[in-house]
PDB file of all heavy atoms in Angstrom:
ATOM      1  N   TYR A   1     -73.283-169.902  20.888  1.00  0.00           N
ATOM      2  CA  TYR A   1     -73.231-168.684  20.179  1.00  0.00           C
ATOM      3  C   TYR A   1     -74.653-168.011  20.128  1.00  0.00           C
ATOM      4  O   TYR A   1     -75.417-168.513  19.136  1.00  0.00           O
ATOM      5  CB  TYR A   1     -72.691-168.959  18.803  1.00  0.00           C
ATOM      6  CG  TYR A   1     -71.264-169.259  18.728  1.00  0.00           C
ATOM      7  CD1 TYR A   1     -70.840-170.644  19.103  1.00  0.00           C
ATOM      8  CD2 TYR A   1     -70.200-168.374  18.555  1.00  0.00           C
ATOM      9  CE1 TYR A   1     -69.558-170.940  19.032  1.00  0.00           C
ATOM     10  CE2 TYR A   1     -68.822-168.623  18.587  1.00  0.00           C
ATOM     11  CZ  TYR A   1     -68.494-170.046  18.803  1.00  0.00           C
ATOM     12  OH  TYR A   1     -67.308-170.375  18.817  1.00  0.00           O
ATOM     13  N   PRO A   2     -75.094-167.176  21.062  1.00  0.00           N
ATOM     14  CA  PRO A   2     -76.386-166.785  20.994  1.00  0.00           C
ATOM     15  C   PRO A   2     -76.857-166.175  19.785  1.00  0.00           C
ATOM     16  O   PRO A   2     -78.140-165.932  19.443  1.00  0.00           O
ATOM     17  CB  PRO A   2     -76.551-165.931  22.244  1.00  0.00           C
ATOM     18  CG  PRO A   2     -75.419-166.377  23.148  1.00  0.00           C
ATOM     19  CD  PRO A   2     -74.289-166.844  22.066  1.00  0.00           C
ATOM     20  N   ALA A   3     -76.015-165.348  19.075  1.00  0.00           N
ATOM     21  CA  ALA A   3     -76.355-164.517  18.063  1.00  0.00           C
ATOM     22  C   ALA A   3     -76.477-165.284  16.661  1.00  0.00           C
ATOM     23  O   ALA A   3     -76.896-164.818  15.590  1.00  0.00           O
ATOM     24  CB  ALA A   3     -75.336-163.360  17.735  1.00  0.00           C
ATOM     25  N   ASP A   4     -76.028-166.630  16.666  1.00  0.00           N
ATOM     26  CA  ASP A   4     -75.985-167.420  15.447  1.00  0.00           C
ATOM     27  C   ASP A   4     -77.386-168.162  15.276  1.00  0.00           C
ATOM     28  O   ASP A   4     -78.181-168.417  16.212  1.00  0.00           O
ATOM     29  CB  ASP A   4     -74.959-168.469  15.576  1.00  0.00           C
ATOM     30  CG  ASP A   4     -73.424-167.988  15.374  1.00  0.00           C
ATOM     31  OD1 ASP A   4     -73.350-166.713  15.425  1.00  0.00           O
ATOM     32  OD2 ASP A   4     -72.647-168.628  15.271  1.00  0.00           O
ATOM     33  N   PRO A   5     -77.651-168.385  14.030  1.00  0.00           N
ATOM     34  CA  PRO A   5     -79.015-169.148  13.820  1.00  0.00           C
ATOM     35  C   PRO A   5     -78.999-170.541  14.499  1.00  0.00           C
ATOM     36  O   PRO A   5     -80.098-170.880  14.961  1.00  0.00           O
ATOM     37  CB  PRO A   5     -79.003-169.429  12.365  1.00  0.00           C
ATOM     38  CG  PRO A   5     -78.036-168.294  11.685  1.00  0.00           C
ATOM     39  CD  PRO A   5     -77.050-168.126  12.788  1.00  0.00           C
ATOM     40  N   LYS A   6     -77.872-171.107  14.655  1.00  0.00           N
ATOM     41  CA  LYS A   6     -77.713-172.467  15.509  1.00  0.00           C
ATOM     42  C   LYS A   6     -76.845-172.175  16.528  1.00  0.00           C
ATOM     43  O   LYS A   6     -75.550-172.293  16.438  1.00  0.00           O
ATOM     44  CB  LYS A   6     -77.331-173.507  14.508  1.00  0.00           C
ATOM     45  CG  LYS A   6     -78.432-173.980  13.441  1.00  0.00           C
ATOM     46  CD  LYS A   6     -77.838-175.204  12.745  1.00  0.00           C
ATOM     47  CE  LYS A   6     -79.000-175.665  11.721  1.00  0.00           C
ATOM     48  NZ  LYS A   6     -78.529-176.884  11.032  1.00  0.00           N
ATOM     49  N   PRO A   7     -77.161-171.738  17.729  1.00  0.00           N
ATOM     50  CA  PRO A   7     -76.337-171.536  18.846  1.00  0.00           C
ATOM     51  C   PRO A   7     -75.465-172.423  19.253  1.00  0.00           C
ATOM     52  O   PRO A   7     -74.325-172.243  19.730  1.00  0.00           O
ATOM     53  CB  PRO A   7     -77.322-171.039  19.873  1.00  0.00           C
ATOM     54  CG  PRO A   7     -78.597-170.672  19.208  1.00  0.00           C
ATOM     55  CD  PRO A   7     -78.708-171.587  18.103  1.00  0.00           C
ATOM     56  N   LEU A   8     -75.921-173.671  19.201  1.00  0.00           N
ATOM     57  CA  LEU A   8     -75.051-174.860  19.635  1.00  0.00           C
ATOM     58  C   LEU A   8     -74.786-175.842  18.473  1.00  0.00           C
ATOM     59  O   LEU A   8     -75.660-176.284  17.722  1.00  0.00           O
ATOM     60  CB  LEU A   8     -75.936-175.611  20.765  1.00  0.00           C
ATOM     61  CG  LEU A   8     -75.355-176.848  21.403  1.00  0.00           C
ATOM     62  CD1 LEU A   8     -73.908-176.437  22.080  1.00  0.00           C
ATOM     63  CD2 LEU A   8     -76.136-177.461  22.426  1.00  0.00           C
ATOM     64  N   ASP A   9     -73.545-176.141  18.384  1.00  0.00           N
ATOM     65  CA  ASP A   9     -73.099-177.101  17.375  1.00  0.00           C
ATOM     66  C   ASP A   9     -73.112-178.386  18.077  1.00  0.00           C
ATOM     67  O   ASP A   9     -72.342-178.959  18.728  1.00  0.00           O
ATOM     68  CB  ASP A   9     -71.610-176.800  17.039  1.00  0.00           C
ATOM     69  CG  ASP A   9     -70.891-177.723  15.974  1.00  0.00           C
ATOM     70  OD1 ASP A   9     -71.575-178.808  15.718  1.00  0.00           O
ATOM     71  OD2 ASP A   9     -70.003-177.370  15.422  1.00  0.00           O
ATOM     72  N   TYR A  10     -74.291-179.232  17.694  1.00  0.00           N
ATOM     73  CA  TYR A  10     -74.576-180.479  18.460  1.00  0.00           C
ATOM     74  C   TYR A  10     -73.583-181.546  18.152  1.00  0.00           C
ATOM     75  O   TYR A  10     -73.266-182.345  18.987  1.00  0.00           O
ATOM     76  CB  TYR A  10     -76.025-180.972  18.251  1.00  0.00           C
ATOM     77  CG  TYR A  10     -77.107-180.156  19.006  1.00  0.00           C
ATOM     78  CD1 TYR A  10     -77.660-178.984  18.535  1.00  0.00           C
ATOM     79  CD2 TYR A  10     -77.337-180.561  20.279  1.00  0.00           C
ATOM     80  CE1 TYR A  10     -78.582-178.303  19.314  1.00  0.00           C
ATOM     81  CE2 TYR A  10     -78.244-179.862  21.195  1.00  0.00           C
ATOM     82  CZ  TYR A  10     -78.884-178.731  20.643  1.00  0.00           C
ATOM     83  OH  TYR A  10     -79.669-178.122  21.441  1.00  0.00           O
ATOM     84  N   PRO A  11     -73.120-181.750  16.895  1.00  0.00           N
ATOM     85  CA  PRO A  11     -72.102-182.728  16.775  1.00  0.00           C
ATOM     86  C   PRO A  11     -70.820-182.516  17.483  1.00  0.00           C
ATOM     87  O   PRO A  11     -70.088-183.539  18.037  1.00  0.00           O
ATOM     88  CB  PRO A  11     -71.816-182.635  15.160  1.00  0.00           C
ATOM     89  CG  PRO A  11     -73.022-182.209  14.649  1.00  0.00           C
ATOM     90  CD  PRO A  11     -73.508-181.108  15.709  1.00  0.00           C
ATOM     91  N   ARG A  12     -70.369-181.217  17.689  1.00  0.00           N
ATOM     92  CA  ARG A  12     -69.224-181.025  18.438  1.00  0.00           C
ATOM     93  C   ARG A  12     -69.457-181.279  19.979  1.00  0.00           C
ATOM     94  O   ARG A  12     -68.705-181.778  20.612  1.00  0.00           O
ATOM     95  CB  ARG A  12     -68.784-179.532  18.300  1.00  0.00           C
ATOM     96  CG  ARG A  12     -67.441-179.169  18.876  1.00  0.00           C
ATOM     97  CD  ARG A  12     -67.047-177.776  18.609  1.00  0.00           C
ATOM     98  NE  ARG A  12     -65.803-177.371  18.972  1.00  0.00           N
ATOM     99  CZ  ARG A  12     -65.256-176.052  18.755  1.00  0.00           C
ATOM    100  NH1 ARG A  12     -65.945-175.206  18.272  1.00  0.00           N
ATOM    101  NH2 ARG A  12     -63.876-176.020  19.286  1.00  0.00           N
ATOM    102  N   TYR A  13     -70.678-180.797  20.344  1.00  0.00           N
ATOM    103  CA  TYR A  13     -71.156-181.069  21.716  1.00  0.00           C
ATOM    104  C   TYR A  13     -71.041-182.467  22.016  1.00  0.00           C
ATOM    105  O   TYR A  13     -70.602-182.975  23.036  1.00  0.00           O
ATOM    106  CB  TYR A  13     -72.553-180.513  21.895  1.00  0.00           C
ATOM    107  CG  TYR A  13     -73.279-181.016  23.117  1.00  0.00           C
ATOM    108  CD1 TYR A  13     -72.959-180.696  24.391  1.00  0.00           C
ATOM    109  CD2 TYR A  13     -74.396-181.745  22.890  1.00  0.00           C
ATOM    110  CE1 TYR A  13     -73.650-181.008  25.458  1.00  0.00           C
ATOM    111  CE2 TYR A  13     -75.178-182.112  24.042  1.00  0.00           C
ATOM    112  CZ  TYR A  13     -74.645-181.839  25.219  1.00  0.00           C
ATOM    113  OH  TYR A  13     -75.589-182.241  26.317  1.00  0.00           O
ATOM    114  N   ALA A  14     -71.591-183.291  21.020  1.00  0.00           N
ATOM    115  CA  ALA A  14     -71.705-184.811  21.281  1.00  0.00           C
ATOM    116  C   ALA A  14     -70.285-185.435  21.387  1.00  0.00           C
ATOM    117  O   ALA A  14     -69.980-186.383  22.219  1.00  0.00           O
ATOM    118  CB  ALA A  14     -72.572-185.508  20.171  1.00  0.00           C
ATOM    119  N   ASP A  15     -69.340-184.842  20.428  1.00  0.00           N
ATOM    120  CA  ASP A  15     -67.999-185.366  20.652  1.00  0.00           C
ATOM    121  C   ASP A  15     -67.268-185.236  21.921  1.00  0.00           C
ATOM    122  O   ASP A  15     -66.538-186.041  22.413  1.00  0.00           O
ATOM    123  CB  ASP A  15     -67.173-184.677  19.468  1.00  0.00           C
ATOM    124  CG  ASP A  15     -67.458-185.184  18.123  1.00  0.00           C
ATOM    125  OD1 ASP A  15     -68.062-186.334  17.996  1.00  0.00           O
ATOM    126  OD2 ASP A  15     -67.079-184.288  17.119  1.00  0.00           O
ATOM    127  N   ARG A  16     -67.567-184.045  22.678  1.00  0.00           N
ATOM    128  CA  ARG A  16     -67.029-183.783  23.802  1.00  0.00           C
ATOM    129  C   ARG A  16     -67.585-184.626  24.948  1.00  0.00           C
ATOM    130  O   ARG A  16     -66.840-185.038  25.922  1.00  0.00           O
ATOM    131  CB  ARG A  16     -67.227-182.296  24.188  1.00  0.00           C
ATOM    132  CG  ARG A  16     -66.349-181.376  23.369  1.00  0.00           C
ATOM    133  CD  ARG A  16     -66.497-179.847  23.852  1.00  0.00           C
ATOM    134  NE  ARG A  16     -65.668-179.021  22.834  1.00  0.00           N
ATOM    135  CZ  ARG A  16     -65.751-177.696  22.904  1.00  0.00           C
ATOM    136  NH1 ARG A  16     -66.508-177.086  23.720  1.00  0.00           N
ATOM    137  NH2 ARG A  16     -64.935-177.033  22.200  1.00  0.00           N
ATOM    138  N   LEU A  17     -68.954-184.974  24.732  1.00  0.00           N
ATOM    139  CA  LEU A  17     -69.489-185.847  25.745  1.00  0.00           C
ATOM    140  C   LEU A  17     -68.877-187.245  25.602  1.00  0.00           C
ATOM    141  O   LEU A  17     -68.512-187.948  26.639  1.00  0.00           O
ATOM    142  CB  LEU A  17     -70.966-185.967  25.552  1.00  0.00           C
ATOM    143  CG  LEU A  17     -71.749-184.859  26.006  1.00  0.00           C
ATOM    144  CD1 LEU A  17     -73.332-185.100  25.696  1.00  0.00           C
ATOM    145  CD2 LEU A  17     -71.739-184.735  27.598  1.00  0.00           C
ATOM    146  N   LYS A  18     -68.519-187.702  24.328  1.00  0.00           N
ATOM    147  CA  LYS A  18     -68.054-188.973  24.072  1.00  0.00           C
ATOM    148  C   LYS A  18     -66.594-188.968  24.491  1.00  0.00           C
ATOM    149  O   LYS A  18     -66.143-190.078  25.098  1.00  0.00           O
ATOM    150  CB  LYS A  18     -68.105-189.324  22.542  1.00  0.00           C
ATOM    151  CG  LYS A  18     -67.629-190.586  22.127  1.00  0.00           C
ATOM    152  CD  LYS A  18     -67.728-190.805  20.751  1.00  0.00           C
ATOM    153  CE  LYS A  18     -67.191-192.161  20.259  1.00  0.00           C
ATOM    154  NZ  LYS A  18     -67.299-192.400  18.853  1.00  0.00           N
ATOM    155  N   ASP A  19     -65.868-187.996  24.352  1.00  0.00           N
ATOM    156  CA  ASP A  19     -64.379-187.979  24.682  1.00  0.00           C
ATOM    157  C   ASP A  19     -64.151-187.841  26.211  1.00  0.00           C
ATOM    158  O   ASP A  19     -63.165-188.512  26.640  1.00  0.00           O
ATOM    159  CB  ASP A  19     -63.653-186.813  23.909  1.00  0.00           C
ATOM    160  CG  ASP A  19     -63.657-187.081  22.368  1.00  0.00           C
ATOM    161  OD1 ASP A  19     -63.699-188.112  21.967  1.00  0.00           O
ATOM    162  OD2 ASP A  19     -63.316-186.024  21.597  1.00  0.00           O
ATOM    163  N   PHE A  20     -64.949-187.019  26.818  1.00  0.00           N
ATOM    164  CA  PHE A  20     -64.681-186.671  28.234  1.00  0.00           C
ATOM    165  C   PHE A  20     -65.741-187.242  29.226  1.00  0.00           C
ATOM    166  O   PHE A  20     -65.401-187.054  30.470  1.00  0.00           O
ATOM    167  CB  PHE A  20     -64.465-185.182  28.404  1.00  0.00           C
ATOM    168  CG  PHE A  20     -63.439-184.560  27.398  1.00  0.00           C
ATOM    169  CD1 PHE A  20     -63.798-183.833  26.382  1.00  0.00           C
ATOM    170  CD2 PHE A  20     -62.239-184.865  27.688  1.00  0.00           C
ATOM    171  CE1 PHE A  20     -62.825-183.241  25.561  1.00  0.00           C
ATOM    172  CE2 PHE A  20     -61.074-184.352  26.782  1.00  0.00           C
ATOM    173  CZ  PHE A  20     -61.582-183.596  25.730  1.00  0.00           C
ATOM    174  N   GLY A  21     -66.770-187.816  28.790  1.00  0.00           N
ATOM    175  CA  GLY A  21     -67.789-188.266  29.777  1.00  0.00           C
ATOM    176  C   GLY A  21     -68.632-187.145  30.256  1.00  0.00           C
ATOM    177  O   GLY A  21     -68.571-185.979  29.900  1.00  0.00           O
ATOM    178  N   THR A  22     -69.651-187.557  31.065  1.00  0.00           N
ATOM    179  CA  THR A  22     -70.706-186.554  31.587  1.00  0.00           C
ATOM    180  C   THR A  22     -70.378-186.213  32.972  1.00  0.00           C
ATOM    181  O   THR A  22     -70.462-187.013  33.858  1.00  0.00           O
ATOM    182  CB  THR A  22     -72.194-187.043  31.377  1.00  0.00           C
ATOM    183  OG1 THR A  22     -72.275-187.378  30.090  1.00  0.00           O
ATOM    184  CG2 THR A  22     -73.120-186.143  32.065  1.00  0.00           C
ATOM    185  N   ALA A  23     -70.075-184.966  33.227  1.00  0.00           N
ATOM    186  CA  ALA A  23     -69.702-184.503  34.597  1.00  0.00           C
ATOM    187  C   ALA A  23     -70.997-184.145  35.314  1.00  0.00           C
ATOM    188  O   ALA A  23     -71.118-184.363  36.583  1.00  0.00           O
ATOM    189  CB  ALA A  23     -68.739-183.349  34.472  1.00  0.00           C
ATOM    190  N   ILE A  24     -71.985-183.577  34.583  1.00  0.00           N
ATOM    191  CA  ILE A  24     -73.266-183.203  35.224  1.00  0.00           C
ATOM    192  C   ILE A  24     -74.293-183.630  34.288  1.00  0.00           C
ATOM    193  O   ILE A  24     -74.358-183.312  32.997  1.00  0.00           O
ATOM    194  CB  ILE A  24     -73.313-181.668  35.460  1.00  0.00           C
ATOM    195  CG1 ILE A  24     -71.987-181.030  35.955  1.00  0.00           C
ATOM    196  CG2 ILE A  24     -74.581-181.235  36.172  1.00  0.00           C
ATOM    197  CD1 ILE A  24     -72.007-179.595  36.199  1.00  0.00           C
ATOM    198  N   ARG A  25     -75.316-184.496  34.805  1.00  0.00           N
ATOM    199  CA  ARG A  25     -76.361-184.943  33.977  1.00  0.00           C
ATOM    200  C   ARG A  25     -77.463-183.966  33.942  1.00  0.00           C
ATOM    201  O   ARG A  25     -77.675-183.036  34.711  1.00  0.00           O
ATOM    202  CB  ARG A  25     -76.877-186.227  34.564  1.00  0.00           C
ATOM    203  CG  ARG A  25     -75.859-187.379  34.532  1.00  0.00           C
ATOM    204  CD  ARG A  25     -76.348-188.590  35.200  1.00  0.00           C
ATOM    205  NE  ARG A  25     -75.402-189.773  34.984  1.00  0.00           N
ATOM    206  CZ  ARG A  25     -74.454-189.974  35.680  1.00  0.00           C
ATOM    207  NH1 ARG A  25     -74.107-189.145  36.797  1.00  0.00           N
ATOM    208  NH2 ARG A  25     -73.484-190.948  35.521  1.00  0.00           N
ATOM    209  N   ALA A  26     -78.307-184.021  32.713  1.00  0.00           N
ATOM    210  CA  ALA A  26     -79.524-183.364  32.540  1.00  0.00           C
ATOM    211  C   ALA A  26     -80.439-183.599  33.732  1.00  0.00           C
ATOM    212  O   ALA A  26     -80.588-184.828  34.190  1.00  0.00           O
ATOM    213  CB  ALA A  26     -80.212-183.684  31.222  1.00  0.00           C
ATOM    214  N   GLY A  27     -80.961-182.578  34.312  1.00  0.00           N
ATOM    215  CA  GLY A  27     -81.799-182.649  35.403  1.00  0.00           C
ATOM    216  C   GLY A  27     -81.121-182.432  36.776  1.00  0.00           C
ATOM    217  O   GLY A  27     -81.766-182.321  37.825  1.00  0.00           O
ATOM    218  N   GLU A  28     -79.727-182.576  36.882  1.00  0.00           N
ATOM    219  CA  GLU A  28     -79.071-182.382  37.991  1.00  0.00           C
ATOM    220  C   GLU A  28     -78.810-180.863  38.329  1.00  0.00           C
ATOM    221  O   GLU A  28     -78.814-179.989  37.439  1.00  0.00           O
ATOM    222  CB  GLU A  28     -77.635-183.069  37.979  1.00  0.00           C
ATOM    223  CG  GLU A  28     -77.882-184.498  38.028  1.00  0.00           C
ATOM    224  CD  GLU A  28     -76.522-185.212  38.072  1.00  0.00           C
ATOM    225  OE1 GLU A  28     -75.423-184.534  37.794  1.00  0.00           O
ATOM    226  OE2 GLU A  28     -76.493-186.495  38.490  1.00  0.00           O
ATOM    227  N   SER A  29     -78.649-180.339  39.574  1.00  0.00           N
ATOM    228  CA  SER A  29     -78.377-179.228  40.001  1.00  0.00           C
ATOM    229  C   SER A  29     -76.825-178.888  40.039  1.00  0.00           C
ATOM    230  O   SER A  29     -76.153-179.920  40.311  1.00  0.00           O
ATOM    231  CB  SER A  29     -78.943-178.941  41.385  1.00  0.00           C
ATOM    232  OG  SER A  29     -80.371-178.746  41.386  1.00  0.00           O
ATOM    233  N   ALA A  30     -76.336-177.787  39.818  1.00  0.00           N
ATOM    234  CA  ALA A  30     -74.943-177.451  39.798  1.00  0.00           C
ATOM    235  C   ALA A  30     -74.745-176.082  40.332  1.00  0.00           C
ATOM    236  O   ALA A  30     -75.639-175.131  40.143  1.00  0.00           O
ATOM    237  CB  ALA A  30     -74.304-177.580  38.479  1.00  0.00           C
ATOM    238  N   MET A  31     -73.754-175.807  41.111  1.00  0.00           N
ATOM    239  CA  MET A  31     -73.523-174.524  41.603  1.00  0.00           C
ATOM    240  C   MET A  31     -72.649-173.717  40.677  1.00  0.00           C
ATOM    241  O   MET A  31     -71.656-174.292  40.056  1.00  0.00           O
ATOM    242  CB  MET A  31     -72.606-174.601  42.947  1.00  0.00           C
ATOM    243  CG  MET A  31     -72.291-173.296  43.580  1.00  0.00           C
ATOM    244  SD  MET A  31     -71.331-173.512  45.100  1.00  0.00           S
ATOM    245  CE  MET A  31     -72.591-174.278  46.212  1.00  0.00           C
ATOM    246  N   ILE A  32     -72.932-172.502  40.488  1.00  0.00           N
ATOM    247  CA  ILE A  32     -72.270-171.488  39.660  1.00  0.00           C
ATOM    248  C   ILE A  32     -70.984-171.132  40.538  1.00  0.00           C
ATOM    249  O   ILE A  32     -71.081-170.228  41.423  1.00  0.00           O
ATOM    250  CB  ILE A  32     -73.083-170.320  39.319  1.00  0.00           C
ATOM    251  CG1 ILE A  32     -74.280-170.703  38.571  1.00  0.00           C
ATOM    252  CG2 ILE A  32     -72.289-169.383  38.282  1.00  0.00           C
ATOM    253  CD1 ILE A  32     -75.380-169.582  38.430  1.00  0.00           C
ATOM    254  N   THR A  33     -69.877-171.512  40.143  1.00  0.00           N
ATOM    255  CA  THR A  33     -68.700-171.275  41.004  1.00  0.00           C
ATOM    256  C   THR A  33     -67.849-170.160  40.411  1.00  0.00           C
ATOM    257  O   THR A  33     -66.830-169.654  41.060  1.00  0.00           O
ATOM    258  CB  THR A  33     -67.792-172.530  41.018  1.00  0.00           C
ATOM    259  OG1 THR A  33     -67.546-173.066  39.719  1.00  0.00           O
ATOM    260  CG2 THR A  33     -68.491-173.642  41.932  1.00  0.00           C
ATOM    261  N   LYS A  34     -67.996-169.871  39.159  1.00  0.00           N
ATOM    262  CA  LYS A  34     -67.146-168.705  38.601  1.00  0.00           C
ATOM    263  C   LYS A  34     -67.763-168.072  37.399  1.00  0.00           C
ATOM    264  O   LYS A  34     -68.248-168.805  36.511  1.00  0.00           O
ATOM    265  CB  LYS A  34     -65.679-169.076  38.450  1.00  0.00           C
ATOM    266  CG  LYS A  34     -64.821-167.868  37.884  1.00  0.00           C
ATOM    267  CD  LYS A  34     -63.319-168.301  37.677  1.00  0.00           C
ATOM    268  CE  LYS A  34     -62.611-168.567  39.052  1.00  0.00           C
ATOM    269  NZ  LYS A  34     -61.170-168.808  38.794  1.00  0.00           N
ATOM    270  N   ILE A  35     -67.820-166.768  37.325  1.00  0.00           N
ATOM    271  CA  ILE A  35     -68.031-166.045  36.115  1.00  0.00           C
ATOM    272  C   ILE A  35     -66.805-165.236  35.609  1.00  0.00           C
ATOM    273  O   ILE A  35     -66.245-164.558  36.453  1.00  0.00           O
ATOM    274  CB  ILE A  35     -69.221-165.001  36.258  1.00  0.00           C
ATOM    275  CG1 ILE A  35     -70.430-165.837  36.835  1.00  0.00           C
ATOM    276  CG2 ILE A  35     -69.480-164.192  34.964  1.00  0.00           C
ATOM    277  CD1 ILE A  35     -71.168-166.581  35.715  1.00  0.00           C
ATOM    278  N   ARG A  36     -66.415-165.401  34.380  1.00  0.00           N
ATOM    279  CA  ARG A  36     -65.258-164.594  33.809  1.00  0.00           C
ATOM    280  C   ARG A  36     -65.786-164.056  32.523  1.00  0.00           C
ATOM    281  O   ARG A  36     -66.219-164.756  31.624  1.00  0.00           O
ATOM    282  CB  ARG A  36     -64.070-165.506  33.561  1.00  0.00           C
ATOM    283  CG  ARG A  36     -63.540-166.171  35.038  1.00  0.00           C
ATOM    284  CD  ARG A  36     -62.238-166.945  34.679  1.00  0.00           C
ATOM    285  NE  ARG A  36     -61.071-166.042  34.292  1.00  0.00           N
ATOM    286  CZ  ARG A  36     -60.018-166.457  33.921  1.00  0.00           C
ATOM    287  NH1 ARG A  36     -59.672-167.682  33.984  1.00  0.00           N
ATOM    288  NH2 ARG A  36     -59.041-165.586  33.655  1.00  0.00           N
ATOM    289  N   VAL A  37     -65.368-162.755  32.299  1.00  0.00           N
ATOM    290  CA  VAL A  37     -65.665-162.124  31.079  1.00  0.00           C
ATOM    291  C   VAL A  37     -64.369-161.875  30.315  1.00  0.00           C
ATOM    292  O   VAL A  37     -63.506-161.329  30.797  1.00  0.00           O
ATOM    293  CB  VAL A  37     -66.340-160.600  31.397  1.00  0.00           C
ATOM    294  CG1 VAL A  37     -66.483-159.833  30.111  1.00  0.00           C
ATOM    295  CG2 VAL A  37     -67.703-160.682  32.169  1.00  0.00           C
TER     296      VAL A  37
END
């Protein structure tokens, strides 16, 4: 949420990593495969 004082909810983010695992690690490259508005 770029307009919020805290753009990223870190506890919620951590829960998703815990529940679903890490698909792309920090430092790894990834291809931008789709943009949707």
